[in-house]
Protein backbone atom coordinates (compact mmCIF):
# COMPACT_ATOMS: atom_id res chain seq x y z
CA UNK A 1 -61.65 18.55 28.79
CA UNK A 2 -62.03 14.81 29.25
CA UNK A 3 -64.84 13.51 31.44
CA UNK A 4 -62.57 12.22 34.20
CA UNK A 5 -61.19 15.73 34.83
CA UNK A 6 -64.47 16.75 36.46
CA UNK A 7 -63.72 14.39 39.38
CA UNK A 8 -60.05 13.47 39.18
CA UNK A 9 -56.73 15.24 38.80
CA UNK A 10 -53.70 13.55 37.22
CA UNK A 11 -50.14 14.78 37.63
CA UNK A 12 -46.77 13.41 36.58
CA UNK A 13 -43.18 13.83 37.75
CA UNK A 14 -40.52 12.88 35.19
CA UNK A 15 -36.76 12.58 35.65
CA UNK A 16 -35.33 12.16 32.15
CA UNK A 17 -31.76 11.88 33.40
CA UNK A 18 -32.36 9.05 35.84
CA UNK A 19 -35.19 7.70 33.60
CA UNK A 20 -37.78 7.26 36.31
CA UNK A 21 -40.88 9.07 37.59
CA UNK A 22 -44.31 8.83 39.14
CA UNK A 23 -47.93 9.48 38.22
CA UNK A 24 -50.60 10.49 40.72
CA UNK A 25 -54.37 10.32 40.44
CA UNK A 26 -56.09 12.54 43.00
CA UNK A 27 -59.74 12.75 44.04
CA UNK A 28 -60.32 15.58 46.52
CA UNK A 29 -63.76 14.53 47.76
CA UNK A 30 -62.84 10.88 48.14
CA UNK A 31 -64.19 8.06 45.98
CA UNK A 32 -64.88 4.35 46.34
CA UNK A 33 -61.80 2.27 45.59
CA UNK A 34 -60.84 -1.28 44.69
CA UNK A 35 -57.69 -3.15 43.74
CA UNK A 36 -56.55 -6.41 42.20
CA UNK A 37 -53.02 -7.80 42.24
CA UNK A 38 -52.47 -10.55 39.69
CA UNK A 39 -48.69 -10.56 39.21
CA UNK A 40 -46.35 -12.69 41.29
CA UNK A 41 -43.89 -9.92 42.28
CA UNK A 42 -45.86 -6.86 43.43
CA UNK A 43 -44.71 -3.74 45.25
CA UNK A 44 -47.76 -2.01 46.74
CA UNK A 45 -48.91 0.36 49.46
CA UNK A 46 -52.05 0.05 51.60
CA UNK A 47 -53.87 -2.43 49.32
CA UNK A 48 -55.21 -4.35 52.33
CA UNK A 49 -57.28 -1.30 53.29
CA UNK A 50 -59.18 -1.71 50.00
CA UNK A 51 -60.31 -5.24 50.81
CA UNK A 52 -64.10 -5.44 50.85
CA UNK A 53 -64.29 -6.52 54.50
CA UNK A 54 -62.12 -3.66 55.78
CA UNK A 55 -63.22 -0.22 56.98
CA UNK A 56 -61.64 2.06 54.36
CA UNK A 57 -64.59 3.81 52.73
CA UNK A 58 -62.94 6.36 50.44
CA UNK A 59 -59.70 6.86 48.53
CA UNK A 60 -58.14 10.30 47.93
CA UNK A 61 -55.15 9.35 45.83
CA UNK A 62 -53.34 6.65 43.87
CA UNK A 63 -49.58 6.75 43.25
CA UNK A 64 -48.02 4.83 40.37
CA UNK A 65 -44.23 5.00 40.47
CA UNK A 66 -40.97 3.63 39.16
CA UNK A 67 -38.12 2.76 41.46
CA UNK A 68 -39.26 -0.72 42.60
CA UNK A 69 -39.65 -0.93 46.40
CA UNK A 70 -37.74 2.33 46.78
CA UNK A 71 -40.30 4.17 44.66
CA UNK A 72 -43.07 3.60 47.20
CA UNK A 73 -41.52 6.55 49.06
CA UNK A 74 -43.31 8.81 46.58
CA UNK A 75 -46.56 8.02 48.39
CA UNK A 76 -45.38 9.97 51.42
CA UNK A 77 -45.07 13.12 49.34
CA UNK A 78 -48.62 12.64 48.06
CA UNK A 79 -49.95 12.20 51.61
CA UNK A 80 -48.14 15.33 52.78
CA UNK A 81 -49.40 17.44 49.88
CA UNK A 82 -53.01 16.35 50.43
CA UNK A 83 -52.84 16.96 54.18
CA UNK A 84 -51.55 20.50 53.58
CA UNK A 85 -54.48 21.11 51.26
CA UNK A 86 -56.95 19.69 53.82
CA UNK A 87 -57.83 16.73 51.65
CA UNK A 88 -58.66 13.49 53.47
CA UNK A 89 -60.57 12.31 56.50
CA UNK A 90 -61.26 15.22 58.82
CA UNK A 91 -60.04 14.00 62.20
CA UNK A 92 -60.50 17.33 63.99
CA UNK A 93 -56.75 17.74 64.60
CA UNK A 94 -55.75 17.22 60.95
CA UNK A 95 -56.78 15.63 57.69
CA UNK A 96 -55.64 12.09 56.92
CA UNK A 97 -55.58 11.27 53.18
CA UNK A 98 -56.18 7.71 52.08
CA UNK A 99 -53.48 7.11 49.47
CA UNK A 100 -52.73 3.74 47.88
CA UNK A 101 -50.04 2.90 45.37
CA UNK A 102 -47.89 0.50 43.43
CA UNK A 103 -44.39 0.67 41.97
CA UNK A 104 -42.66 -0.99 39.04
CA UNK A 105 -39.04 -2.00 38.46
CA UNK A 106 -37.12 0.39 36.22
CA UNK A 107 -33.71 0.35 37.90
CA UNK A 108 -31.86 -1.05 34.86
CA UNK A 109 -32.68 2.05 32.79
CA UNK A 110 -30.91 5.32 33.53
CA UNK A 111 -29.59 5.60 37.08
CA UNK A 112 -30.44 2.79 39.49
CA UNK A 113 -29.57 4.98 42.51
CA UNK A 114 -32.17 7.70 41.78
CA UNK A 115 -35.78 6.74 42.45
CA UNK A 116 -39.10 8.56 42.93
CA UNK A 117 -39.09 9.91 46.48
CA UNK A 118 -41.07 12.24 48.76
CA UNK A 119 -40.30 15.25 46.55
CA UNK A 120 -41.26 13.40 43.37
CA UNK A 121 -44.68 12.54 44.79
CA UNK A 122 -45.18 16.08 46.07
CA UNK A 123 -44.18 17.63 42.70
CA UNK A 124 -46.52 15.29 40.82
CA UNK A 125 -49.37 16.55 43.02
CA UNK A 126 -48.41 20.14 42.26
CA UNK A 127 -48.58 19.33 38.55
CA UNK A 128 -52.01 17.76 39.05
CA UNK A 129 -53.32 20.95 40.67
CA UNK A 130 -51.70 23.04 37.93
CA UNK A 131 -53.83 21.14 35.39
CA UNK A 132 -50.81 19.54 33.74
CA UNK A 133 -51.56 18.05 30.31
CA UNK A 134 -51.23 14.28 30.48
CA UNK A 135 -48.35 13.05 28.33
CA UNK A 136 -48.03 9.54 26.92
CA UNK A 137 -44.91 7.38 26.67
CA UNK A 138 -41.72 8.27 28.54
CA UNK A 139 -43.38 10.30 31.28
CA UNK A 140 -44.34 9.80 34.88
CA UNK A 141 -44.42 6.14 35.90
CA UNK A 142 -43.80 5.26 32.27
CA UNK A 143 -40.44 7.00 32.02
CA UNK A 144 -38.29 3.90 32.64
CA UNK A 145 -40.74 1.24 31.43
CA UNK A 146 -39.63 -1.63 29.18
CA UNK A 147 -41.28 -4.68 27.59
CA UNK A 148 -40.04 -8.05 26.42
CA UNK A 149 -37.28 -8.23 29.02
CA UNK A 150 -37.12 -12.02 29.15
CA UNK A 151 -34.24 -12.04 26.65
CA UNK A 152 -32.24 -9.39 28.52
CA UNK A 153 -32.22 -5.62 28.47
CA UNK A 154 -30.18 -5.41 25.23
CA UNK A 155 -32.96 -7.31 23.45
CA UNK A 156 -35.92 -5.63 25.14
CA UNK A 157 -37.99 -2.69 23.89
CA UNK A 158 -39.25 0.53 25.42
CA UNK A 159 -42.57 0.69 27.25
CA UNK A 160 -44.41 3.77 28.50
CA UNK A 161 -47.53 5.13 30.13
CA UNK A 162 -50.86 5.36 28.34
CA UNK A 163 -54.33 6.79 28.92
CA UNK A 164 -57.59 5.89 27.19
CA UNK A 165 -61.25 6.69 27.79
CA UNK A 166 -64.19 4.53 26.76
CA UNK A 167 -67.68 6.03 26.61
CA UNK A 168 -71.26 4.80 26.26
CA UNK A 169 -73.93 7.52 26.53
CA UNK A 170 -73.57 8.94 30.08
CA UNK A 171 -71.13 6.25 31.24
CA UNK A 172 -67.35 6.64 30.94
CA UNK A 173 -64.31 4.67 32.02
CA UNK A 174 -60.73 5.96 31.82
CA UNK A 175 -57.61 3.83 32.30
CA UNK A 176 -54.06 5.01 33.02
CA UNK A 177 -51.53 2.19 32.62
CA UNK A 178 -47.73 2.05 32.88
CA UNK A 179 -46.51 -0.75 30.58
CA UNK A 180 -43.47 -2.53 32.01
CA UNK A 181 -43.91 -6.22 31.16
CA UNK A 182 -41.58 -9.19 30.95
CA UNK A 183 -43.78 -10.24 28.02
CA UNK A 184 -44.69 -8.79 24.62
CA UNK A 185 -47.36 -6.25 23.67
CA UNK A 186 -50.00 -7.64 21.31
CA UNK A 187 -52.42 -5.58 19.24
CA UNK A 188 -55.44 -7.75 18.47
CA UNK A 189 -56.77 -5.21 15.97
CA UNK A 190 -53.88 -5.97 13.60
CA UNK A 191 -53.23 -9.48 14.90
CA UNK A 192 -49.56 -9.08 15.73
CA UNK A 193 -47.03 -8.24 18.43
CA UNK A 194 -45.99 -4.58 18.21
CA UNK A 195 -43.27 -4.56 20.89
CA UNK A 196 -41.39 -7.18 22.87
CA UNK A 197 -38.42 -9.47 23.15
CA UNK A 198 -35.93 -9.45 20.26
CA UNK A 199 -33.12 -11.74 19.16
CA UNK A 200 -29.74 -10.45 17.93
CA UNK A 201 -29.61 -10.26 14.14
CA UNK A 202 -33.37 -10.88 13.67
CA UNK A 203 -35.94 -8.30 12.65
CA UNK A 204 -38.85 -10.23 14.12
CA UNK A 205 -40.06 -9.19 17.57
CA UNK A 206 -42.10 -11.07 20.12
CA UNK A 207 -40.27 -14.16 21.44
CA UNK A 208 -41.35 -14.04 25.07
CA UNK A 209 -43.75 -16.99 25.18
CA UNK A 210 -41.39 -19.12 23.08
CA UNK A 211 -38.48 -18.31 25.40
CA UNK A 212 -40.49 -19.25 28.48
CA UNK A 213 -41.24 -22.61 26.89
CA UNK A 214 -37.64 -23.05 25.75
CA UNK A 215 -36.49 -22.65 29.35
CA UNK A 216 -39.31 -24.72 30.84
CA UNK A 217 -36.95 -26.60 33.18
CA UNK A 218 -35.27 -23.45 34.47
CA UNK A 219 -36.66 -22.72 37.92
CA UNK A 220 -34.50 -19.60 38.36
CA UNK A 221 -35.85 -16.17 37.60
CA UNK A 222 -35.48 -15.69 33.84
CA UNK A 223 -35.47 -11.91 34.07
CA UNK A 224 -36.63 -10.16 37.23
CA UNK A 225 -37.87 -6.59 37.36
CA UNK A 226 -41.06 -5.77 35.47
CA UNK A 227 -44.74 -5.07 36.29
CA UNK A 228 -47.75 -3.45 34.62
CA UNK A 229 -49.52 -1.05 37.00
CA UNK A 230 -52.50 1.21 36.46
CA UNK A 231 -55.61 2.95 37.67
CA UNK A 232 -59.15 2.88 36.24
CA UNK A 233 -61.55 5.76 36.88
CA UNK A 234 -65.29 5.77 36.24
CA UNK A 235 -68.39 7.78 37.08
CA UNK A 236 -70.28 4.59 37.95
CA UNK A 237 -71.74 3.90 41.40
CA UNK A 238 -70.71 0.61 43.01
CA UNK A 239 -70.06 -0.80 46.46
CA UNK A 240 -66.51 -1.43 47.56
CA UNK A 241 -66.96 -5.16 46.91
CA UNK A 242 -68.05 -4.46 43.36
CA UNK A 243 -65.11 -2.11 42.84
CA UNK A 244 -62.76 -4.89 43.83
CA UNK A 245 -64.49 -7.23 41.40
CA UNK A 246 -64.19 -4.60 38.68
CA UNK A 247 -60.46 -4.28 39.37
CA UNK A 248 -60.18 -8.03 39.03
CA UNK A 249 -62.02 -8.16 35.69
CA UNK A 250 -60.08 -5.17 34.37
CA UNK A 251 -56.99 -7.39 34.29
CA UNK A 252 -58.56 -9.02 31.25
CA UNK A 253 -57.38 -5.90 29.38
CA UNK A 254 -53.79 -6.75 30.38
CA UNK A 255 -54.32 -10.39 29.37
CA UNK A 256 -55.54 -9.28 25.93
CA UNK A 257 -52.58 -6.97 25.33
CA UNK A 258 -49.61 -8.66 27.08
CA UNK A 259 -48.26 -12.10 26.18
CA UNK A 260 -47.70 -13.74 28.62
CA UNK A 261 -49.50 -11.69 31.27
CA UNK A 262 -49.41 -11.92 35.08
CA UNK A 263 -46.19 -13.91 35.25
CA UNK A 264 -44.20 -14.78 38.35
CA UNK A 265 -41.80 -11.98 37.41
CA UNK A 266 -44.46 -9.25 37.06
CA UNK A 267 -46.30 -7.48 39.85
CA UNK A 268 -49.33 -6.56 37.75
CA UNK A 269 -51.64 -4.37 39.84
CA UNK A 270 -54.75 -2.37 38.92
CA UNK A 271 -56.65 0.10 41.10
CA UNK A 272 -60.23 1.21 40.39
CA UNK A 273 -61.83 4.48 41.53
CA UNK A 274 -65.57 5.15 41.25
CA UNK A 275 -66.95 8.67 41.46
CA UNK A 276 -70.47 7.41 42.31
CA UNK A 277 -72.31 9.67 39.86
CA UNK A 278 -74.61 7.37 37.89
CA UNK A 279 -76.28 4.01 38.33
CA UNK A 280 -75.31 1.41 35.73
CA UNK A 281 -74.96 -2.32 35.27
CA UNK A 282 -71.71 -3.94 36.36
CA UNK A 283 -71.32 -5.70 33.03
CA UNK A 284 -71.46 -2.47 31.06
CA UNK A 285 -68.70 -0.91 33.14
CA UNK A 286 -66.52 -4.02 33.05
CA UNK A 287 -66.75 -4.18 29.22
CA UNK A 288 -65.58 -0.59 28.93
CA UNK A 289 -62.89 -1.05 31.62
CA UNK A 290 -61.29 -4.02 29.89
CA UNK A 291 -61.09 -2.19 26.59
CA UNK A 292 -59.83 1.03 28.23
CA UNK A 293 -56.97 -0.93 29.83
CA UNK A 294 -56.11 -2.66 26.55
CA UNK A 295 -56.09 0.59 24.60
CA UNK A 296 -54.07 2.41 27.29
CA UNK A 297 -51.40 -0.29 27.02
CA UNK A 298 -51.22 0.13 23.25
CA UNK A 299 -51.10 3.92 23.48
CA UNK A 300 -48.37 3.89 26.09
CA UNK A 301 -46.28 1.49 24.02
CA UNK A 302 -46.75 3.34 20.73
CA UNK A 303 -45.91 6.70 22.30
CA UNK A 304 -42.67 5.51 23.94
CA UNK A 305 -39.34 6.78 22.66
CA UNK A 306 -36.15 4.77 22.21
CA UNK A 307 -33.67 4.96 25.10
CA UNK A 308 -30.28 3.32 24.71
CA UNK A 309 -30.70 -0.32 23.74
CA UNK A 310 -34.41 -0.16 24.45
CA UNK A 311 -35.79 0.30 20.95
CA UNK A 312 -39.25 1.90 20.66
CA UNK A 313 -42.23 0.78 18.57
CA UNK A 314 -42.00 3.95 16.46
CA UNK A 315 -38.45 3.02 15.38
CA UNK A 316 -39.22 -0.55 14.26
């Protein structure tokens, strides 16, 4: 059992026909949350409640979904499930769960008219409480992910969802990231791009930055519909303001693994959840968080499977 499973439950709903899905991270007792949105085209739910100056003290769930704006409907299923299990703020008359979320664009893969909905969110919660084994690649929010979409879907590659835990003595940080970027995925350990934009007739991959520069006078959207979204969990104890700062710094993991990162056409969003179990320095946690995000991106990309024209890393 991984460390995060003592405090958090993760469940995934996957529709392999429509090629979409959602991933939920649940925390029954409520934990301190934070968020940072760096991309220019986000689809999010209830992120304002996580601002340091606002009253929201605890988070009970995070929903990561496909389906673009339509996929935010999955959050309603998560809220309903948690209420029925008496998880959330006890208001005397009922329990109100604090659930935040973000969705990514995957409508060009599979069926555009089928998106994660109320039932998808509810079923993902059921899987979380059934102790579902987390699966990498084409599962949950990673089902319809793609990378390197700047040169069109026929020249893009398959993305996926990844999970990675970093540890130092009693401290741990776990990142779950759905990799769906307009840019390319870069592995700094080997010094090369492992997935991204392709050109017809060429074996080389990774043209995203060059294509952005080539079209530098084009003010129209080069290729809409992307976004890297994720959630970081830790046993560290921080204030809400520090959690928001940690979410902000965790985007360095995206910047180290995606080229270019945080573009106008991505809605890159990271949530952070702290279980408040141990005291530790902020710098120690941020170092582990950045690396956990980077590694989760690589794992999600490497585990993805080819779908149609979206060639996977494993098939290159």
